[in-house]
Amino acid sequence: MHLPSCVLLKLSGEAFKGPQGPLSPESLRHVAEEIASIRDTRMAIVVGGGNIIRGARSQWLSRVEADALGMLATIINGLALKSCLEEFGREVIVQSAIVSELAEPIAPHKACAAMCDGKIVVFVGGTGNPFVTTDTAAALRAAAIRADIVAKASNVDGVFTSDPAAAEASQLLHELSFDTFIEKRYGVMDLVAVEICRENNLPIVVFNWNKPGALRAIASGEKIGTLIC
């Protein structure tokens, strides 16, 4: 993997959960510390909202209403992450697909300028539309800012031949093509997002967020997880 100059990190809302609840100070600090330590690479982040609500899995709301709440949840997560990153001495701007006084509107050129000045950009609000995952939002934002790679944080080491929790014979795939990923319909990342990355020649690395230093390894061009290209 080549040394990237700009990384788009797709971070699930699950990364913010902990014993204290959906927004755990301990988990937030861990997330912020991992991100803040990277200073030689331009960083942008798309956060999910699954720690608060998952639109697709809601049983008591319509999908449109649940997705709206999910997008608002990403704003909560993004603002919490911004606060923690600032405690580590990093400058952060938050851009949102949903109009809010709490964040700036999505503006790729402004985001690029901010990253060139050493700031971290956090994208929230998903795409602003229901029925669309934050994985797809991450692919769109990465293409818009001309990122070199999408780093998809996961709870496992990468893409496996089958569910590693259910099959002992499951094997980690270190590299595979966009076409193979789409054909096999691996569930690690939304297929629409992968298709967008394929169209924009934008590689994806799926990696285990729980391993300390994993994000730094990606920023350093090291081979970890599964590379989809």
C-alpha atoms as a PDB file:
ATOM      1  CA  MET A   1       0.000   0.000   0.000  1.00  0.00           C
ATOM      2  CA  HIS A   2       1.344   3.418  -0.962  1.00  0.00           C
ATOM      3  CA  LEU A   3       1.950   6.110   1.636  1.00  0.00           C
ATOM      4  CA  PRO A   4      -1.321   8.092   1.727  1.00  0.00           C
ATOM      5  CA  SER A   5      -1.318  11.871   2.043  1.00  0.00           C
ATOM      6  CA  CYS A   6      -5.045  12.013   2.875  1.00  0.00           C
ATOM      7  CA  VAL A   7      -7.070   9.386   4.757  1.00  0.00           C
ATOM      8  CA  LEU A   8     -10.841   9.285   5.168  1.00  0.00           C
ATOM      9  CA  LEU A   9     -11.652   7.301   8.312  1.00  0.00           C
ATOM     10  CA  LYS A  10     -15.096   5.715   8.476  1.00  0.00           C
ATOM     11  CA  LEU A  11     -15.820   5.248  12.152  1.00  0.00           C
ATOM     12  CA  SER A  12     -18.882   3.410  13.417  1.00  0.00           C
ATOM     13  CA  GLY A  13     -20.850   4.907  16.259  1.00  0.00           C
ATOM     14  CA  GLU A  14     -20.149   1.654  18.100  1.00  0.00           C
ATOM     15  CA  ALA A  15     -16.611   2.936  18.683  1.00  0.00           C
ATOM     16  CA  PHE A  16     -18.034   5.535  21.102  1.00  0.00           C
ATOM     17  CA  LYS A  17     -19.876   3.007  23.290  1.00  0.00           C
ATOM     18  CA  GLY A  18     -18.603   1.814  26.638  1.00  0.00           C
ATOM     19  CA  PRO A  19     -19.618   0.841  30.181  1.00  0.00           C
ATOM     20  CA  GLN A  20     -20.885   4.385  30.768  1.00  0.00           C
ATOM     21  CA  GLY A  21     -23.371   4.193  27.904  1.00  0.00           C
ATOM     22  CA  PRO A  22     -23.684   5.222  24.231  1.00  0.00           C
ATOM     23  CA  LEU A  23     -21.144   8.021  24.694  1.00  0.00           C
ATOM     24  CA  SER A  24     -18.431   6.654  26.936  1.00  0.00           C
ATOM     25  CA  PRO A  25     -15.746   9.177  27.994  1.00  0.00           C
ATOM     26  CA  GLU A  26     -13.194   6.367  28.054  1.00  0.00           C
ATOM     27  CA  SER A  27     -14.055   5.211  24.530  1.00  0.00           C
ATOM     28  CA  LEU A  28     -14.160   8.771  23.195  1.00  0.00           C
ATOM     29  CA  ARG A  29     -10.746   9.472  24.665  1.00  0.00           C
ATOM     30  CA  HIS A  30      -9.323   6.327  23.049  1.00  0.00           C
ATOM     31  CA  VAL A  31     -10.764   7.294  19.667  1.00  0.00           C
ATOM     32  CA  ALA A  32      -9.496  10.858  19.939  1.00  0.00           C
ATOM     33  CA  GLU A  33      -6.030   9.791  21.074  1.00  0.00           C
ATOM     34  CA  GLU A  34      -5.611   7.415  18.123  1.00  0.00           C
ATOM     35  CA  ILE A  35      -6.671  10.088  15.624  1.00  0.00           C
ATOM     36  CA  ALA A  36      -4.883  13.041  17.240  1.00  0.00           C
ATOM     37  CA  SER A  37      -1.522  11.251  17.184  1.00  0.00           C
ATOM     38  CA  ILE A  38      -1.457  11.383  13.371  1.00  0.00           C
ATOM     39  CA  ARG A  39      -0.002  14.704  12.266  1.00  0.00           C
ATOM     40  CA  ASP A  40       1.783  14.058   8.979  1.00  0.00           C
ATOM     41  CA  THR A  41      -1.317  12.875   7.135  1.00  0.00           C
ATOM     42  CA  ARG A  42      -4.413  14.889   6.268  1.00  0.00           C
ATOM     43  CA  MET A  43      -7.339  13.367   8.157  1.00  0.00           C
ATOM     44  CA  ALA A  44     -11.083  13.437   7.566  1.00  0.00           C
ATOM     45  CA  ILE A  45     -13.630  11.362   9.449  1.00  0.00           C
ATOM     46  CA  VAL A  46     -17.164  10.211   8.792  1.00  0.00           C
ATOM     47  CA  VAL A  47     -18.922   9.055  11.947  1.00  0.00           C
ATOM     48  CA  GLY A  48     -21.895   6.746  12.274  1.00  0.00           C
ATOM     49  CA  GLY A  49     -24.675   6.945  14.829  1.00  0.00           C
ATOM     50  CA  GLY A  50     -25.305   3.293  15.660  1.00  0.00           C
ATOM     51  CA  ASN A  51     -24.365   3.758  19.309  1.00  0.00           C
ATOM     52  CA  ILE A  52     -27.521   5.864  19.688  1.00  0.00           C
ATOM     53  CA  ILE A  53     -29.961   4.526  17.069  1.00  0.00           C
ATOM     54  CA  ARG A  54     -29.835   2.324  13.995  1.00  0.00           C
ATOM     55  CA  GLY A  55     -32.416   3.369  11.432  1.00  0.00           C
ATOM     56  CA  ALA A  56     -32.486   0.095   9.532  1.00  0.00           C
ATOM     57  CA  ARG A  57     -33.127  -1.907  12.707  1.00  0.00           C
ATOM     58  CA  SER A  58     -35.735   0.282  14.370  1.00  0.00           C
ATOM     59  CA  GLN A  59     -38.998  -1.546  15.044  1.00  0.00           C
ATOM     60  CA  TRP A  60     -41.046   1.369  16.362  1.00  0.00           C
ATOM     61  CA  LEU A  61     -40.372   4.097  13.787  1.00  0.00           C
ATOM     62  CA  SER A  62     -40.777   4.328  10.056  1.00  0.00           C
ATOM     63  CA  ARG A  63     -37.491   3.940   8.165  1.00  0.00           C
ATOM     64  CA  VAL A  64     -37.538   7.605   7.121  1.00  0.00           C
ATOM     65  CA  GLU A  65     -38.036   8.825  10.710  1.00  0.00           C
ATOM     66  CA  ALA A  66     -35.486   6.379  12.111  1.00  0.00           C
ATOM     67  CA  ASP A  67     -32.886   7.403   9.531  1.00  0.00           C
ATOM     68  CA  ALA A  68     -33.517  11.059  10.375  1.00  0.00           C
ATOM     69  CA  LEU A  69     -32.810  10.324  14.031  1.00  0.00           C
ATOM     70  CA  GLY A  70     -29.742   8.329  13.027  1.00  0.00           C
ATOM     71  CA  MET A  71     -28.371  11.274  11.059  1.00  0.00           C
ATOM     72  CA  LEU A  72     -28.931  13.550  14.058  1.00  0.00           C
ATOM     73  CA  ALA A  73     -27.108  10.988  16.188  1.00  0.00           C
ATOM     74  CA  THR A  74     -24.038  11.334  13.967  1.00  0.00           C
ATOM     75  CA  ILE A  75     -24.018  15.064  14.733  1.00  0.00           C
ATOM     76  CA  ILE A  76     -23.971  14.292  18.461  1.00  0.00           C
ATOM     77  CA  ASN A  77     -21.066  11.886  17.945  1.00  0.00           C
ATOM     78  CA  GLY A  78     -19.175  14.298  15.731  1.00  0.00           C
ATOM     79  CA  LEU A  79     -19.432  17.159  18.204  1.00  0.00           C
ATOM     80  CA  ALA A  80     -18.348  14.902  21.060  1.00  0.00           C
ATOM     81  CA  LEU A  81     -15.359  13.733  19.021  1.00  0.00           C
ATOM     82  CA  LYS A  82     -14.458  17.332  18.157  1.00  0.00           C
ATOM     83  CA  SER A  83     -14.406  18.248  21.834  1.00  0.00           C
ATOM     84  CA  CYS A  84     -12.130  15.318  22.693  1.00  0.00           C
ATOM     85  CA  LEU A  85      -9.766  15.995  19.793  1.00  0.00           C
ATOM     86  CA  GLU A  86      -9.419  19.605  20.899  1.00  0.00           C
ATOM     87  CA  GLU A  87      -8.370  18.373  24.345  1.00  0.00           C
ATOM     88  CA  PHE A  88      -5.467  16.669  22.559  1.00  0.00           C
ATOM     89  CA  GLY A  89      -4.499  19.986  20.962  1.00  0.00           C
ATOM     90  CA  ARG A  90      -5.970  19.416  17.509  1.00  0.00           C
ATOM     91  CA  GLU A  91      -8.021  21.932  15.546  1.00  0.00           C
ATOM     92  CA  VAL A  92     -11.246  20.467  14.199  1.00  0.00           C
ATOM     93  CA  ILE A  93     -14.068  21.604  11.951  1.00  0.00           C
ATOM     94  CA  VAL A  94     -17.377  19.770  11.700  1.00  0.00           C
ATOM     95  CA  GLN A  95     -19.306  19.808   8.434  1.00  0.00           C
ATOM     96  CA  SER A  96     -22.865  18.517   8.327  1.00  0.00           C
ATOM     97  CA  ALA A  97     -25.205  17.361   5.570  1.00  0.00           C
ATOM     98  CA  ILE A  98     -28.059  18.537   7.820  1.00  0.00           C
ATOM     99  CA  VAL A  99     -28.446  22.287   8.341  1.00  0.00           C
ATOM    100  CA  SER A 100     -27.517  23.129  11.915  1.00  0.00           C
ATOM    101  CA  GLU A 101     -26.037  26.041  13.841  1.00  0.00           C
ATOM    102  CA  LEU A 102     -23.774  23.508  15.516  1.00  0.00           C
ATOM    103  CA  ALA A 103     -21.816  22.657  12.344  1.00  0.00           C
ATOM    104  CA  GLU A 104     -20.832  24.098   8.989  1.00  0.00           C
ATOM    105  CA  PRO A 105     -22.502  22.894   5.785  1.00  0.00           C
ATOM    106  CA  ILE A 106     -20.689  20.332   3.655  1.00  0.00           C
ATOM    107  CA  ALA A 107     -18.074  22.117   1.568  1.00  0.00           C
ATOM    108  CA  PRO A 108     -15.346  19.876   0.101  1.00  0.00           C
ATOM    109  CA  HIS A 109     -13.074  22.735  -0.992  1.00  0.00           C
ATOM    110  CA  LYS A 110     -13.197  24.289   2.471  1.00  0.00           C
ATOM    111  CA  ALA A 111     -12.574  20.870   4.022  1.00  0.00           C
ATOM    112  CA  CYS A 112      -9.497  20.392   1.833  1.00  0.00           C
ATOM    113  CA  ALA A 113      -8.174  23.827   2.758  1.00  0.00           C
ATOM    114  CA  ALA A 114      -8.688  23.098   6.459  1.00  0.00           C
ATOM    115  CA  MET A 115      -6.832  19.785   6.220  1.00  0.00           C
ATOM    116  CA  CYS A 116      -3.947  21.480   4.422  1.00  0.00           C
ATOM    117  CA  ASP A 117      -3.753  23.812   7.444  1.00  0.00           C
ATOM    118  CA  GLY A 118      -3.402  20.812   9.734  1.00  0.00           C
ATOM    119  CA  LYS A 119      -7.021  20.678  10.899  1.00  0.00           C
ATOM    120  CA  ILE A 120      -9.078  17.513  11.159  1.00  0.00           C
ATOM    121  CA  VAL A 121     -12.424  17.506   9.365  1.00  0.00           C
ATOM    122  CA  VAL A 122     -15.355  15.567  10.789  1.00  0.00           C
ATOM    123  CA  PHE A 123     -18.271  14.944   8.424  1.00  0.00           C
ATOM    124  CA  VAL A 124     -21.646  14.307  10.057  1.00  0.00           C
ATOM    125  CA  GLY A 125     -25.292  14.021   9.064  1.00  0.00           C
ATOM    126  CA  GLY A 126     -24.710  11.117   6.688  1.00  0.00           C
ATOM    127  CA  THR A 127     -25.771  12.186   3.211  1.00  0.00           C
ATOM    128  CA  GLY A 128     -28.780  14.068   4.549  1.00  0.00           C
ATOM    129  CA  ASN A 129     -31.091  11.486   2.983  1.00  0.00           C
ATOM    130  CA  PRO A 130     -32.877   8.392   4.332  1.00  0.00           C
ATOM    131  CA  PHE A 131     -32.185   4.866   3.044  1.00  0.00           C
ATOM    132  CA  VAL A 132     -28.474   5.675   2.669  1.00  0.00           C
ATOM    133  CA  THR A 133     -25.777   4.341   4.996  1.00  0.00           C
ATOM    134  CA  THR A 134     -22.925   6.304   6.516  1.00  0.00           C
ATOM    135  CA  ASP A 135     -20.606   3.957   4.588  1.00  0.00           C
ATOM    136  CA  THR A 136     -21.990   5.519   1.418  1.00  0.00           C
ATOM    137  CA  ALA A 137     -21.563   8.978   2.933  1.00  0.00           C
ATOM    138  CA  ALA A 138     -17.918   8.089   3.645  1.00  0.00           C
ATOM    139  CA  ALA A 139     -17.325   7.027   0.035  1.00  0.00           C
ATOM    140  CA  LEU A 140     -18.914  10.220  -1.280  1.00  0.00           C
ATOM    141  CA  ARG A 141     -16.943  12.487   1.051  1.00  0.00           C
ATOM    142  CA  ALA A 142     -13.696  10.648   0.295  1.00  0.00           C
ATOM    143  CA  ALA A 143     -14.219  11.075  -3.444  1.00  0.00           C
ATOM    144  CA  ALA A 144     -15.104  14.758  -3.006  1.00  0.00           C
ATOM    145  CA  ILE A 145     -11.953  15.593  -1.038  1.00  0.00           C
ATOM    146  CA  ARG A 146      -9.789  13.347  -3.237  1.00  0.00           C
ATOM    147  CA  ALA A 147      -8.676  11.137  -0.373  1.00  0.00           C
ATOM    148  CA  ASP A 148      -6.062   8.502  -1.123  1.00  0.00           C
ATOM    149  CA  ILE A 149      -7.810   5.763   0.826  1.00  0.00           C
ATOM    150  CA  VAL A 150     -10.937   4.999   2.849  1.00  0.00           C
ATOM    151  CA  ALA A 151     -10.063   3.400   6.183  1.00  0.00           C
ATOM    152  CA  LYS A 152     -13.099   1.402   7.284  1.00  0.00           C
ATOM    153  CA  ALA A 153     -12.867   0.695  11.025  1.00  0.00           C
ATOM    154  CA  SER A 154     -14.207  -2.694  12.077  1.00  0.00           C
ATOM    155  CA  ASN A 155     -14.312  -4.986  15.096  1.00  0.00           C
ATOM    156  CA  VAL A 156     -12.490  -7.731  13.176  1.00  0.00           C
ATOM    157  CA  ASP A 157      -9.135  -7.855  11.421  1.00  0.00           C
ATOM    158  CA  GLY A 158     -10.555  -7.357   7.921  1.00  0.00           C
ATOM    159  CA  VAL A 159     -12.657  -9.230   5.377  1.00  0.00           C
ATOM    160  CA  PHE A 160     -12.963 -12.987   5.976  1.00  0.00           C
ATOM    161  CA  THR A 161     -14.121 -15.788   3.692  1.00  0.00           C
ATOM    162  CA  SER A 162     -17.043 -16.286   6.091  1.00  0.00           C
ATOM    163  CA  ASP A 163     -18.178 -14.982   9.453  1.00  0.00           C
ATOM    164  CA  PRO A 164     -15.157 -15.611  11.736  1.00  0.00           C
ATOM    165  CA  ALA A 165     -17.449 -15.807  14.770  1.00  0.00           C
ATOM    166  CA  ALA A 166     -19.460 -18.620  13.204  1.00  0.00           C
ATOM    167  CA  ALA A 167     -16.892 -20.602  11.219  1.00  0.00           C
ATOM    168  CA  GLU A 168     -13.546 -21.773  12.593  1.00  0.00           C
ATOM    169  CA  ALA A 169     -12.232 -22.343   9.064  1.00  0.00           C
ATOM    170  CA  SER A 170     -12.851 -18.726   8.089  1.00  0.00           C
ATOM    171  CA  GLN A 171      -9.745 -17.111   6.562  1.00  0.00           C
ATOM    172  CA  LEU A 172      -8.667 -13.488   6.464  1.00  0.00           C
ATOM    173  CA  LEU A 173      -8.374 -12.077   2.944  1.00  0.00           C
ATOM    174  CA  HIS A 174      -5.435  -9.701   2.785  1.00  0.00           C
ATOM    175  CA  GLU A 175      -6.394  -8.215  -0.589  1.00  0.00           C
ATOM    176  CA  LEU A 176      -9.270  -8.493  -3.049  1.00  0.00           C
ATOM    177  CA  SER A 177     -10.677  -6.566  -5.971  1.00  0.00           C
ATOM    178  CA  PHE A 178     -13.736  -4.323  -5.944  1.00  0.00           C
ATOM    179  CA  ASP A 179     -15.402  -6.714  -8.372  1.00  0.00           C
ATOM    180  CA  THR A 180     -14.818  -9.726  -6.135  1.00  0.00           C
ATOM    181  CA  PHE A 181     -16.108  -7.891  -3.061  1.00  0.00           C
ATOM    182  CA  ILE A 182     -19.284  -6.882  -4.875  1.00  0.00           C
ATOM    183  CA  GLU A 183     -19.741 -10.336  -6.426  1.00  0.00           C
ATOM    184  CA  LYS A 184     -19.330 -12.128  -3.081  1.00  0.00           C
ATOM    185  CA  ARG A 185     -21.479  -9.501  -1.307  1.00  0.00           C
ATOM    186  CA  TYR A 186     -19.311  -9.393   1.808  1.00  0.00           C
ATOM    187  CA  GLY A 187     -21.217  -7.733   4.627  1.00  0.00           C
ATOM    188  CA  VAL A 188     -18.372  -5.679   6.061  1.00  0.00           C
ATOM    189  CA  MET A 189     -19.227  -2.575   4.028  1.00  0.00           C
ATOM    190  CA  ASP A 190     -22.235  -1.293   2.128  1.00  0.00           C
ATOM    191  CA  LEU A 191     -22.078  -2.384  -1.517  1.00  0.00           C
ATOM    192  CA  VAL A 192     -23.147   1.043  -2.791  1.00  0.00           C
ATOM    193  CA  ALA A 193     -20.177   2.565  -0.984  1.00  0.00           C
ATOM    194  CA  VAL A 194     -17.826   0.012  -2.523  1.00  0.00           C
ATOM    195  CA  GLU A 195     -19.258   0.727  -5.972  1.00  0.00           C
ATOM    196  CA  ILE A 196     -18.615   4.466  -5.505  1.00  0.00           C
ATOM    197  CA  CYS A 197     -15.037   3.737  -4.479  1.00  0.00           C
ATOM    198  CA  ARG A 198     -14.573   1.492  -7.519  1.00  0.00           C
ATOM    199  CA  GLU A 199     -15.858   4.205  -9.860  1.00  0.00           C
ATOM    200  CA  ASN A 200     -13.452   6.706  -8.327  1.00  0.00           C
ATOM    201  CA  ASN A 201     -10.452   4.340  -8.121  1.00  0.00           C
ATOM    202  CA  LEU A 202     -10.431   4.857  -4.366  1.00  0.00           C
ATOM    203  CA  PRO A 203      -8.966   1.939  -2.380  1.00  0.00           C
ATOM    204  CA  ILE A 204     -10.499   0.778   0.883  1.00  0.00           C
ATOM    205  CA  VAL A 205      -8.745  -0.820   3.819  1.00  0.00           C
ATOM    206  CA  VAL A 206     -10.875  -2.704   6.349  1.00  0.00           C
ATOM    207  CA  PHE A 207      -9.059  -2.956   9.663  1.00  0.00           C
ATOM    208  CA  ASN A 208      -9.517  -3.747  13.337  1.00  0.00           C
ATOM    209  CA  TRP A 209     -10.019  -0.493  15.204  1.00  0.00           C
ATOM    210  CA  ASN A 210      -9.492  -2.238  18.552  1.00  0.00           C
ATOM    211  CA  LYS A 211      -5.804  -2.782  17.832  1.00  0.00           C
ATOM    212  CA  PRO A 212      -3.797   0.195  19.169  1.00  0.00           C
ATOM    213  CA  GLY A 213      -1.818   1.978  16.479  1.00  0.00           C
ATOM    214  CA  ALA A 214      -3.776   0.462  13.578  1.00  0.00           C
ATOM    215  CA  LEU A 215      -4.778   3.832  12.152  1.00  0.00           C
ATOM    216  CA  ARG A 216      -1.221   5.099  12.422  1.00  0.00           C
ATOM    217  CA  ALA A 217      -0.046   2.008  10.531  1.00  0.00           C
ATOM    218  CA  ILE A 218      -2.441   2.823   7.692  1.00  0.00           C
ATOM    219  CA  ALA A 219      -1.286   6.446   7.635  1.00  0.00           C
ATOM    220  CA  SER A 220       2.293   5.142   7.436  1.00  0.00           C
ATOM    221  CA  GLY A 221       1.486   2.978   4.419  1.00  0.00           C
ATOM    222  CA  GLU A 222       1.809  -0.339   6.260  1.00  0.00           C
ATOM    223  CA  LYS A 223      -0.156  -3.380   5.115  1.00  0.00           C
ATOM    224  CA  ILE A 224      -2.786  -4.310   7.658  1.00  0.00           C
ATOM    225  CA  GLY A 225      -6.313  -5.646   7.455  1.00  0.00           C
ATOM    226  CA  THR A 226      -7.851  -6.186   4.023  1.00  0.00           C
ATOM    227  CA  LEU A 227      -7.114  -3.947   1.050  1.00  0.00           C
ATOM    228  CA  ILE A 228      -9.938  -3.630  -1.475  1.00  0.00           C
ATOM    229  CA  CYS A 229      -8.799  -2.084  -4.737  1.00  0.00           C
END
